[in-house]
C-alpha atoms as a PDB file:
ATOM      1  CA  MET A   1      68.286-182.365  17.605  1.00  0.00           C
ATOM      2  CA  GLU A   2      66.477-180.804  15.230  1.00  0.00           C
ATOM      3  CA  LYS A   3      63.196-182.564  16.349  1.00  0.00           C
ATOM      4  CA  VAL A   4      64.120-181.872  19.819  1.00  0.00           C
ATOM      5  CA  LEU A   5      64.677-178.099  19.265  1.00  0.00           C
ATOM      6  CA  HIS A   6      61.270-177.977  16.978  1.00  0.00           C
ATOM      7  CA  ARG A   7      59.505-179.720  19.984  1.00  0.00           C
ATOM      8  CA  LEU A   8      60.865-176.749  22.201  1.00  0.00           C
ATOM      9  CA  GLU A   9      59.972-173.951  19.817  1.00  0.00           C
ATOM     10  CA  TYR A  10      56.581-174.949  18.899  1.00  0.00           C
ATOM     11  CA  GLY A  11      55.534-175.481  23.035  1.00  0.00           C
ATOM     12  CA  HIS A  12      55.884-179.187  23.488  1.00  0.00           C
ATOM     13  CA  GLY A  13      59.304-179.381  25.297  1.00  0.00           C
ATOM     14  CA  LYS A  14      60.196-180.897  28.913  1.00  0.00           C
ATOM     15  CA  MET A  15      62.801-179.563  30.971  1.00  0.00           C
ATOM     16  CA  SER A  16      64.831-182.394  30.331  1.00  0.00           C
ATOM     17  CA  ASP A  17      64.948-181.621  26.574  1.00  0.00           C
ATOM     18  CA  MET A  18      67.842-179.363  27.237  1.00  0.00           C
ATOM     19  CA  ASP A  19      70.156-181.842  29.059  1.00  0.00           C
ATOM     20  CA  LEU A  20      69.293-184.411  26.532  1.00  0.00           C
ATOM     21  CA  LEU A  21      70.376-181.740  23.530  1.00  0.00           C
ATOM     22  CA  VAL A  22      73.462-181.037  25.664  1.00  0.00           C
ATOM     23  CA  ASP A  23      74.063-184.811  25.974  1.00  0.00           C
ATOM     24  CA  VAL A  24      73.600-185.822  22.251  1.00  0.00           C
ATOM     25  CA  SER A  25      76.035-182.812  21.529  1.00  0.00           C
ATOM     26  CA  LYS A  26      78.684-184.014  23.163  1.00  0.00           C
ATOM     27  CA  LYS A  27      78.398-187.341  21.947  1.00  0.00           C
ATOM     28  CA  ILE A  28      78.675-186.238  18.633  1.00  0.00           C
ATOM     29  CA  GLU A  29      81.521-183.886  19.142  1.00  0.00           C
ATOM     30  CA  GLY A  30      84.765-185.486  18.106  1.00  0.00           C
ATOM     31  CA  ASN A  31      83.082-188.853  17.493  1.00  0.00           C
ATOM     32  CA  THR A  32      82.590-188.359  13.976  1.00  0.00           C
ATOM     33  CA  ILE A  33      84.806-188.473  10.899  1.00  0.00           C
ATOM     34  CA  CYS A  34      82.470-185.927   9.233  1.00  0.00           C
ATOM     35  CA  PRO A  35      83.683-182.108  10.583  1.00  0.00           C
ATOM     36  CA  LEU A  36      79.713-181.412  10.020  1.00  0.00           C
ATOM     37  CA  GLY A  37      78.853-183.846  12.987  1.00  0.00           C
ATOM     38  CA  ASP A  38      80.784-181.194  15.061  1.00  0.00           C
ATOM     39  CA  ALA A  39      79.832-178.087  13.138  1.00  0.00           C
ATOM     40  CA  ALA A  40      75.907-179.349  13.837  1.00  0.00           C
ATOM     41  CA  ALA A  41      76.690-179.967  17.646  1.00  0.00           C
ATOM     42  CA  TRP A  42      78.578-176.947  18.638  1.00  0.00           C
ATOM     43  CA  PRO A  43      75.631-174.239  18.290  1.00  0.00           C
ATOM     44  CA  VAL A  44      73.183-176.153  19.902  1.00  0.00           C
ATOM     45  CA  ALA A  45      75.165-176.759  22.953  1.00  0.00           C
ATOM     46  CA  SER A  46      76.531-173.109  22.622  1.00  0.00           C
ATOM     47  CA  ALA A  47      72.964-171.599  22.440  1.00  0.00           C
ATOM     48  CA  ILE A  48      71.847-174.169  25.825  1.00  0.00           C
ATOM     49  CA  ARG A  49      74.995-172.938  27.838  1.00  0.00           C
ATOM     50  CA  HIS A  50      74.617-169.198  27.164  1.00  0.00           C
ATOM     51  CA  PHE A  51      70.506-169.030  26.812  1.00  0.00           C
ATOM     52  CA  ARG A  52      69.365-171.674  29.016  1.00  0.00           C
ATOM     53  CA  ASP A  53      66.831-169.577  30.706  1.00  0.00           C
ATOM     54  CA  GLU A  54      65.342-168.592  27.523  1.00  0.00           C
ATOM     55  CA  PHE A  55      64.975-172.623  26.378  1.00  0.00           C
ATOM     56  CA  GLU A  56      63.340-173.000  29.923  1.00  0.00           C
ATOM     57  CA  TRP A  57      60.816-170.406  29.581  1.00  0.00           C
ATOM     58  CA  HIS A  58      59.711-171.980  26.192  1.00  0.00           C
ATOM     59  CA  VAL A  59      58.912-175.021  28.167  1.00  0.00           C
ATOM     60  CA  THR A  60      57.084-173.066  31.138  1.00  0.00           C
ATOM     61  CA  ASN A  61      55.217-170.517  28.624  1.00  0.00           C
ATOM     62  CA  PRO A  62      54.417-172.702  25.649  1.00  0.00           C
ATOM     63  CA  ILE A  63      51.161-170.939  24.372  1.00  0.00           C
ATOM     64  CA  GLU A  64      52.988-167.352  24.825  1.00  0.00           C
ATOM     65  CA  ALA A  65      56.240-169.004  23.001  1.00  0.00           C
ATOM     66  CA  THR A  66      53.839-169.918  20.261  1.00  0.00           C
ATOM     67  CA  THR A  67      52.043-166.913  19.672  1.00  0.00           C
ATOM     68  CA  ARG A  68      53.865-164.134  20.762  1.00  0.00           C
ATOM     69  CA  ASN A  69      55.974-161.648  18.274  1.00  0.00           C
ATOM     70  CA  TYR A  70      59.321-160.935  19.139  1.00  0.00           C
ATOM     71  CA  GLY A  71      59.483-157.903  16.550  1.00  0.00           C
ATOM     72  CA  LEU A  72      61.541-159.968  14.282  1.00  0.00           C
ATOM     73  CA  ALA A  73      58.703-161.189  11.868  1.00  0.00           C
ATOM     74  CA  HIS A  74      59.666-158.104   9.394  1.00  0.00           C
ATOM     75  CA  TYR A  75      63.259-160.005   8.898  1.00  0.00           C
ATOM     76  CA  ALA A  76      61.191-162.479   6.843  1.00  0.00           C
ATOM     77  CA  ASP A  77      59.504-159.715   4.797  1.00  0.00           C
ATOM     78  CA  PRO A  78      61.411-159.284   1.400  1.00  0.00           C
ATOM     79  CA  LEU A  79      63.827-156.458   0.898  1.00  0.00           C
ATOM     80  CA  PRO A  80      62.753-153.484  -0.997  1.00  0.00           C
ATOM     81  CA  LYS A  81      64.410-153.212  -4.318  1.00  0.00           C
ATOM     82  CA  VAL A  82      67.040-150.454  -4.696  1.00  0.00           C
ATOM     83  CA  GLU A  83      67.537-149.113  -7.811  1.00  0.00           C
ATOM     84  CA  THR A  84      70.975-148.271  -8.908  1.00  0.00           C
ATOM     85  CA  LYS A  85      72.134-145.782 -11.702  1.00  0.00           C
ATOM     86  CA  VAL A  86      74.593-146.578 -13.814  1.00  0.00           C
ATOM     87  CA  ALA A  87      76.680-143.733 -15.220  1.00  0.00           C
END
């Protein structure tokens, strides 16, 4: 799932990748002993269910998807230090 998501994000995805991700998440969900399997599958299936058009946009606009700044780049910057005075 991680490799397919990476492929979609970086402009190498196909339309069939979204269906593949949903299919894989359905096969994982409820079929593992480890609860981490369900925990990994649910967010992917939910994201595709609610934002499929955005996944499709990444497939149809691969160059723009890899070069466009969505305005969130500043979240990766370190937070400024805040000094606190102890009384």
